[in-house]
Amino acid sequence: MFERRKKSRFSRRFPVFVEISSRGAAGDYPRRQIIKGYTTDISRFGFQLVTSRRLQSNAQLRLYMLNNTEHPLDLLGEVRWLAQDSEHWRIGFELMDARGTDYLLWQNDISRASLDLVAVPATGKAGA
C-alpha cells in the first residue's frame, strides 16, 4: 500500500476521551457524551484513535488526552478517516490549532518525544 503521510510518526498509547455534544429538544441544554479510546499512531499534527464506537466523518470534536502530563491535554480534532476491524473503529484525527486548546503544547511534547526516539551510537556522537 502506498504511504501518503509525509510527517514522522511513532507508536504511543495514551488514553483519550472524546466529547460528543448533541442538541436536545428546543430549550434543553445540549447533551454531552464521553467516549473512551486510545492512541496507536501519533504525529505532531494528529493521531489514530482506537475506540468501540464509530464517529461521524469530518466531525470536529473536543479531545482530552492523558499523556504523562499533570493535566489532560485539551485538543480539538477533525475526523479525517474511519476504518473498522473485527472489534474496534480506527479513526484518524487531524488536530486543529484552535484558541483555548493545548495544540502548541501537544506539538512541543511530540517534538521532544520524537527526539528521544533518535538512536545515538555507543560513541555518544550522532551520525558517527
N, C-alpha and C. Protein backbone atom coordinates (compact mmCIF):
# COMPACT_ATOMS: atom_id res chain seq x y z
N MET A 1 0.83 -1.17 0.00
CA MET A 1 0.00 0.00 0.00
C MET A 1 0.88 1.24 0.00
N PHE A 2 0.53 2.23 -0.78
CA PHE A 2 1.26 3.48 -0.89
C PHE A 2 1.06 4.33 0.35
N GLU A 3 2.13 4.78 0.96
CA GLU A 3 2.07 5.60 2.16
C GLU A 3 2.05 7.07 1.77
N ARG A 4 0.96 7.79 2.10
CA ARG A 4 0.81 9.19 1.73
C ARG A 4 1.33 10.15 2.79
N ARG A 5 1.52 9.69 4.00
CA ARG A 5 1.93 10.58 5.07
C ARG A 5 3.37 11.03 4.88
N LYS A 6 3.61 12.30 5.12
CA LYS A 6 4.95 12.86 4.97
C LYS A 6 5.57 13.22 6.32
N LYS A 7 4.80 13.26 7.37
CA LYS A 7 5.29 13.63 8.70
C LYS A 7 5.73 12.38 9.44
N SER A 8 6.79 12.52 10.26
CA SER A 8 7.25 11.37 11.04
C SER A 8 6.19 11.01 12.08
N ARG A 9 6.03 9.72 12.28
CA ARG A 9 5.02 9.20 13.20
C ARG A 9 5.67 8.14 14.07
N PHE A 10 5.06 7.91 15.22
CA PHE A 10 5.52 6.81 16.06
C PHE A 10 4.38 6.30 16.89
N SER A 11 4.59 5.14 17.47
CA SER A 11 3.54 4.46 18.21
C SER A 11 3.63 4.79 19.69
N ARG A 12 2.56 5.35 20.22
CA ARG A 12 2.43 5.62 21.66
C ARG A 12 0.97 5.37 22.02
N ARG A 13 0.77 4.80 23.18
CA ARG A 13 -0.59 4.51 23.63
C ARG A 13 -0.94 5.43 24.79
N PHE A 14 -1.83 6.39 24.52
CA PHE A 14 -2.32 7.32 25.52
C PHE A 14 -3.84 7.21 25.57
N PRO A 15 -4.44 7.25 26.76
CA PRO A 15 -5.90 7.30 26.85
C PRO A 15 -6.42 8.62 26.29
N VAL A 16 -7.54 8.55 25.57
CA VAL A 16 -8.19 9.73 25.01
C VAL A 16 -9.68 9.66 25.32
N PHE A 17 -10.24 10.80 25.70
CA PHE A 17 -11.67 10.91 25.92
C PHE A 17 -12.22 11.89 24.88
N VAL A 18 -13.22 11.46 24.13
CA VAL A 18 -13.83 12.26 23.07
C VAL A 18 -15.17 12.77 23.57
N GLU A 19 -15.36 14.07 23.48
CA GLU A 19 -16.62 14.67 23.92
C GLU A 19 -17.52 14.86 22.71
N ILE A 20 -18.72 14.31 22.78
CA ILE A 20 -19.70 14.45 21.71
C ILE A 20 -20.90 15.18 22.29
N SER A 21 -21.26 16.27 21.64
CA SER A 21 -22.44 17.05 22.06
C SER A 21 -23.53 16.87 21.03
N SER A 22 -24.74 16.73 21.52
CA SER A 22 -25.89 16.66 20.61
C SER A 22 -26.97 17.59 21.15
N ARG A 23 -27.76 18.09 20.27
CA ARG A 23 -28.82 19.02 20.67
C ARG A 23 -30.00 18.25 21.23
N GLY A 24 -30.53 18.76 22.33
CA GLY A 24 -31.75 18.19 22.89
C GLY A 24 -32.96 18.85 22.26
N ALA A 25 -34.07 18.69 22.88
CA ALA A 25 -35.30 19.35 22.41
C ALA A 25 -35.14 20.86 22.57
N ALA A 26 -35.97 21.62 21.90
CA ALA A 26 -35.90 23.08 21.97
C ALA A 26 -35.91 23.53 23.43
N GLY A 27 -34.96 24.38 23.79
CA GLY A 27 -34.89 24.88 25.15
C GLY A 27 -34.07 24.02 26.09
N ASP A 28 -33.75 22.79 25.70
CA ASP A 28 -32.91 21.92 26.54
C ASP A 28 -31.45 22.30 26.38
N TYR A 29 -30.67 21.95 27.39
CA TYR A 29 -29.23 22.10 27.29
C TYR A 29 -28.71 21.02 26.35
N PRO A 30 -27.59 21.30 25.66
CA PRO A 30 -27.02 20.25 24.81
C PRO A 30 -26.64 19.03 25.66
N ARG A 31 -26.82 17.87 25.09
CA ARG A 31 -26.43 16.62 25.77
C ARG A 31 -24.99 16.32 25.42
N ARG A 32 -24.24 15.88 26.43
CA ARG A 32 -22.84 15.54 26.21
C ARG A 32 -22.63 14.07 26.50
N GLN A 33 -21.81 13.45 25.69
CA GLN A 33 -21.44 12.06 25.89
C GLN A 33 -19.93 11.97 25.75
N ILE A 34 -19.31 11.16 26.59
CA ILE A 34 -17.87 10.96 26.55
C ILE A 34 -17.59 9.54 26.07
N ILE A 35 -16.73 9.43 25.07
CA ILE A 35 -16.33 8.14 24.53
C ILE A 35 -14.84 7.95 24.83
N LYS A 36 -14.47 6.78 25.31
CA LYS A 36 -13.08 6.49 25.67
C LYS A 36 -12.41 5.70 24.55
N GLY A 37 -11.14 6.00 24.33
CA GLY A 37 -10.33 5.26 23.37
C GLY A 37 -8.87 5.42 23.72
N TYR A 38 -8.00 5.03 22.78
CA TYR A 38 -6.56 5.20 23.00
C TYR A 38 -5.86 5.42 21.67
N THR A 39 -4.71 6.08 21.73
CA THR A 39 -3.93 6.35 20.53
C THR A 39 -3.09 5.13 20.17
N THR A 40 -2.78 5.01 18.87
CA THR A 40 -1.84 3.96 18.44
C THR A 40 -0.75 4.52 17.56
N ASP A 41 -0.99 5.60 16.88
CA ASP A 41 -0.07 6.13 15.88
C ASP A 41 -0.19 7.65 15.95
N ILE A 42 0.89 8.33 16.35
CA ILE A 42 0.78 9.77 16.56
C ILE A 42 1.85 10.53 15.79
N SER A 43 1.53 11.78 15.51
CA SER A 43 2.49 12.72 14.93
C SER A 43 2.20 14.09 15.54
N ARG A 44 2.94 15.10 15.11
CA ARG A 44 2.71 16.45 15.63
C ARG A 44 1.35 17.00 15.21
N PHE A 45 0.77 16.44 14.15
CA PHE A 45 -0.44 17.01 13.58
C PHE A 45 -1.69 16.16 13.76
N GLY A 46 -1.56 15.00 14.40
CA GLY A 46 -2.73 14.17 14.61
C GLY A 46 -2.38 12.81 15.17
N PHE A 47 -3.38 11.95 15.21
CA PHE A 47 -3.18 10.61 15.73
C PHE A 47 -4.29 9.68 15.27
N GLN A 48 -4.05 8.39 15.43
CA GLN A 48 -5.07 7.37 15.19
C GLN A 48 -5.66 6.98 16.55
N LEU A 49 -6.97 7.00 16.62
CA LEU A 49 -7.70 6.63 17.83
C LEU A 49 -8.35 5.27 17.62
N VAL A 50 -8.25 4.41 18.61
CA VAL A 50 -8.95 3.13 18.60
C VAL A 50 -10.05 3.23 19.65
N THR A 51 -11.28 2.94 19.23
CA THR A 51 -12.42 3.03 20.13
C THR A 51 -13.49 2.04 19.69
N SER A 52 -14.47 1.82 20.53
CA SER A 52 -15.53 0.86 20.21
C SER A 52 -16.67 1.49 19.43
N ARG A 53 -16.66 2.81 19.28
CA ARG A 53 -17.79 3.49 18.64
C ARG A 53 -17.36 4.24 17.38
N ARG A 54 -18.21 4.20 16.39
CA ARG A 54 -17.98 4.94 15.15
C ARG A 54 -18.27 6.41 15.39
N LEU A 55 -17.46 7.27 14.82
CA LEU A 55 -17.69 8.71 14.89
C LEU A 55 -18.02 9.22 13.49
N GLN A 56 -18.63 10.38 13.42
CA GLN A 56 -19.04 10.94 12.14
C GLN A 56 -17.84 11.52 11.40
N SER A 57 -17.72 11.18 10.12
CA SER A 57 -16.65 11.70 9.29
C SER A 57 -16.73 13.22 9.22
N ASN A 58 -15.58 13.87 9.25
CA ASN A 58 -15.44 15.33 9.20
C ASN A 58 -15.93 16.06 10.45
N ALA A 59 -16.34 15.32 11.47
CA ALA A 59 -16.79 15.96 12.72
C ALA A 59 -15.60 16.62 13.41
N GLN A 60 -15.82 17.79 13.98
CA GLN A 60 -14.82 18.46 14.80
C GLN A 60 -15.21 18.23 16.25
N LEU A 61 -14.32 17.55 16.98
CA LEU A 61 -14.66 17.11 18.33
C LEU A 61 -13.60 17.53 19.33
N ARG A 62 -14.03 17.75 20.56
CA ARG A 62 -13.13 18.06 21.66
C ARG A 62 -12.52 16.74 22.15
N LEU A 63 -11.20 16.75 22.35
CA LEU A 63 -10.46 15.56 22.75
C LEU A 63 -9.67 15.90 24.01
N TYR A 64 -9.68 14.98 24.95
CA TYR A 64 -8.91 15.14 26.18
C TYR A 64 -7.96 13.96 26.27
N MET A 65 -6.65 14.25 26.27
CA MET A 65 -5.65 13.19 26.23
C MET A 65 -4.82 13.18 27.50
N LEU A 66 -4.65 11.99 28.06
CA LEU A 66 -3.78 11.79 29.22
C LEU A 66 -2.44 11.30 28.69
N ASN A 67 -1.44 12.17 28.69
CA ASN A 67 -0.15 11.80 28.10
C ASN A 67 1.03 12.07 29.01
N ASN A 68 0.94 11.62 30.22
CA ASN A 68 2.02 11.75 31.19
C ASN A 68 2.28 13.19 31.60
N THR A 69 1.29 14.06 31.46
CA THR A 69 1.41 15.43 31.95
C THR A 69 0.54 15.56 33.19
N GLU A 70 0.71 16.66 33.89
CA GLU A 70 -0.04 16.86 35.14
C GLU A 70 -1.56 16.94 34.89
N HIS A 71 -1.93 17.58 33.78
CA HIS A 71 -3.33 17.74 33.43
C HIS A 71 -3.58 17.18 32.04
N PRO A 72 -4.78 16.69 31.77
CA PRO A 72 -5.07 16.22 30.42
C PRO A 72 -4.90 17.34 29.40
N LEU A 73 -4.43 16.99 28.20
CA LEU A 73 -4.36 17.97 27.12
C LEU A 73 -5.76 18.16 26.56
N ASP A 74 -6.14 19.40 26.36
CA ASP A 74 -7.43 19.76 25.78
C ASP A 74 -7.18 20.11 24.31
N LEU A 75 -7.69 19.27 23.40
CA LEU A 75 -7.41 19.42 21.98
C LEU A 75 -8.70 19.45 21.18
N LEU A 76 -8.62 19.98 19.97
CA LEU A 76 -9.73 19.95 19.03
C LEU A 76 -9.24 19.22 17.79
N GLY A 77 -9.99 18.20 17.37
CA GLY A 77 -9.57 17.42 16.22
C GLY A 77 -10.71 17.18 15.26
N GLU A 78 -10.35 16.98 14.00
CA GLU A 78 -11.33 16.67 12.95
C GLU A 78 -11.15 15.23 12.51
N VAL A 79 -12.24 14.50 12.42
CA VAL A 79 -12.21 13.11 11.95
C VAL A 79 -11.90 13.14 10.46
N ARG A 80 -10.75 12.57 10.06
CA ARG A 80 -10.34 12.58 8.66
C ARG A 80 -10.62 11.26 7.95
N TRP A 81 -10.59 10.15 8.69
CA TRP A 81 -10.88 8.85 8.09
C TRP A 81 -11.34 7.88 9.17
N LEU A 82 -12.02 6.82 8.72
CA LEU A 82 -12.55 5.78 9.62
C LEU A 82 -12.29 4.42 9.00
N ALA A 83 -11.98 3.45 9.83
CA ALA A 83 -11.84 2.06 9.38
C ALA A 83 -12.29 1.15 10.52
N GLN A 84 -13.01 0.10 10.19
CA GLN A 84 -13.48 -0.83 11.21
C GLN A 84 -12.75 -2.15 11.07
N ASP A 85 -12.25 -2.68 12.20
CA ASP A 85 -11.70 -4.03 12.19
C ASP A 85 -12.71 -4.93 12.91
N SER A 86 -12.29 -6.08 13.33
CA SER A 86 -13.24 -7.04 13.91
C SER A 86 -13.98 -6.52 15.15
N GLU A 87 -13.31 -5.74 15.99
CA GLU A 87 -13.94 -5.31 17.24
C GLU A 87 -13.94 -3.81 17.48
N HIS A 88 -13.14 -3.06 16.72
CA HIS A 88 -12.95 -1.64 17.02
C HIS A 88 -13.06 -0.78 15.78
N TRP A 89 -13.19 0.51 16.04
CA TRP A 89 -13.07 1.51 15.00
C TRP A 89 -11.70 2.16 15.15
N ARG A 90 -11.03 2.35 14.04
CA ARG A 90 -9.78 3.10 13.99
C ARG A 90 -10.11 4.41 13.29
N ILE A 91 -9.80 5.52 13.97
CA ILE A 91 -10.25 6.82 13.50
C ILE A 91 -9.05 7.76 13.43
N GLY A 92 -8.85 8.36 12.27
CA GLY A 92 -7.76 9.30 12.09
C GLY A 92 -8.21 10.71 12.42
N PHE A 93 -7.53 11.34 13.36
CA PHE A 93 -7.82 12.72 13.74
C PHE A 93 -6.70 13.64 13.28
N GLU A 94 -7.08 14.76 12.68
CA GLU A 94 -6.15 15.85 12.42
C GLU A 94 -6.42 16.91 13.48
N LEU A 95 -5.38 17.28 14.20
CA LEU A 95 -5.55 18.27 15.27
C LEU A 95 -5.60 19.67 14.68
N MET A 96 -6.37 20.52 15.35
CA MET A 96 -6.58 21.88 14.86
C MET A 96 -5.98 22.88 15.85
N ASP A 97 -5.34 23.89 15.31
CA ASP A 97 -4.75 24.96 16.13
C ASP A 97 -5.86 25.94 16.49
N ALA A 98 -6.58 25.64 17.56
CA ALA A 98 -7.73 26.44 17.96
C ALA A 98 -7.44 27.17 19.27
N ARG A 99 -7.96 28.35 19.39
CA ARG A 99 -7.80 29.15 20.60
C ARG A 99 -8.39 28.39 21.79
N GLY A 100 -7.68 28.44 22.90
CA GLY A 100 -8.17 27.80 24.12
C GLY A 100 -7.84 26.31 24.21
N THR A 101 -7.05 25.79 23.26
CA THR A 101 -6.67 24.38 23.33
C THR A 101 -5.18 24.26 23.64
N ASP A 102 -4.73 23.05 23.85
CA ASP A 102 -3.32 22.76 24.14
C ASP A 102 -2.57 22.30 22.90
N TYR A 103 -2.97 22.79 21.73
CA TYR A 103 -2.37 22.37 20.47
C TYR A 103 -0.85 22.59 20.45
N LEU A 104 -0.39 23.78 20.83
CA LEU A 104 1.05 24.05 20.80
C LEU A 104 1.81 23.21 21.82
N LEU A 105 1.22 22.99 22.96
CA LEU A 105 1.83 22.11 23.97
C LEU A 105 1.96 20.70 23.41
N TRP A 106 0.91 20.21 22.72
CA TRP A 106 0.94 18.89 22.07
C TRP A 106 2.10 18.84 21.07
N GLN A 107 2.20 19.83 20.21
CA GLN A 107 3.26 19.83 19.19
C GLN A 107 4.64 19.80 19.85
N ASN A 108 4.83 20.59 20.90
CA ASN A 108 6.12 20.59 21.60
C ASN A 108 6.40 19.25 22.25
N ASP A 109 5.40 18.66 22.91
CA ASP A 109 5.58 17.36 23.56
C ASP A 109 5.95 16.29 22.54
N ILE A 110 5.28 16.28 21.40
CA ILE A 110 5.55 15.27 20.38
C ILE A 110 6.92 15.49 19.75
N SER A 111 7.31 16.73 19.54
CA SER A 111 8.64 17.02 19.00
C SER A 111 9.72 16.50 19.94
N ARG A 112 9.55 16.75 21.24
CA ARG A 112 10.52 16.24 22.23
C ARG A 112 10.53 14.72 22.25
N ALA A 113 9.36 14.11 22.21
CA ALA A 113 9.28 12.65 22.23
C ALA A 113 9.94 12.04 21.00
N SER A 114 9.77 12.67 19.84
CA SER A 114 10.39 12.11 18.63
C SER A 114 11.90 12.24 18.70
N LEU A 115 12.42 13.28 19.35
CA LEU A 115 13.87 13.38 19.53
C LEU A 115 14.39 12.27 20.42
N ASP A 116 13.61 11.88 21.41
CA ASP A 116 14.00 10.78 22.30
C ASP A 116 14.11 9.46 21.55
N LEU A 117 13.43 9.35 20.41
CA LEU A 117 13.45 8.10 19.64
C LEU A 117 14.65 7.99 18.71
N VAL A 118 15.40 9.08 18.53
CA VAL A 118 16.56 9.05 17.65
C VAL A 118 17.67 8.26 18.35
N ALA A 119 18.16 7.25 17.67
CA ALA A 119 19.21 6.41 18.25
C ALA A 119 20.55 7.14 18.22
N VAL A 120 21.28 7.09 19.32
CA VAL A 120 22.62 7.65 19.40
C VAL A 120 23.58 6.48 19.55
N PRO A 121 24.58 6.37 18.64
CA PRO A 121 25.55 5.26 18.72
C PRO A 121 26.32 5.27 20.04
N ALA A 122 26.96 4.16 20.34
CA ALA A 122 27.70 3.99 21.60
C ALA A 122 28.80 5.02 21.76
N THR A 123 29.29 5.61 20.68
CA THR A 123 30.35 6.64 20.78
C THR A 123 29.83 7.92 21.40
N GLY A 124 28.49 8.06 21.45
CA GLY A 124 27.91 9.26 22.02
C GLY A 124 27.78 10.38 21.03
N LYS A 125 28.20 10.14 19.77
CA LYS A 125 28.10 11.17 18.73
C LYS A 125 27.07 10.75 17.71
N ALA A 126 26.09 11.58 17.52
CA ALA A 126 25.08 11.27 16.50
C ALA A 126 25.72 11.29 15.13
N GLY A 127 25.35 10.32 14.30
CA GLY A 127 25.86 10.24 12.94
C GLY A 127 27.23 9.61 12.84
N ALA A 128 27.83 9.17 13.96
CA ALA A 128 29.16 8.55 13.91
C ALA A 128 29.07 7.11 13.52
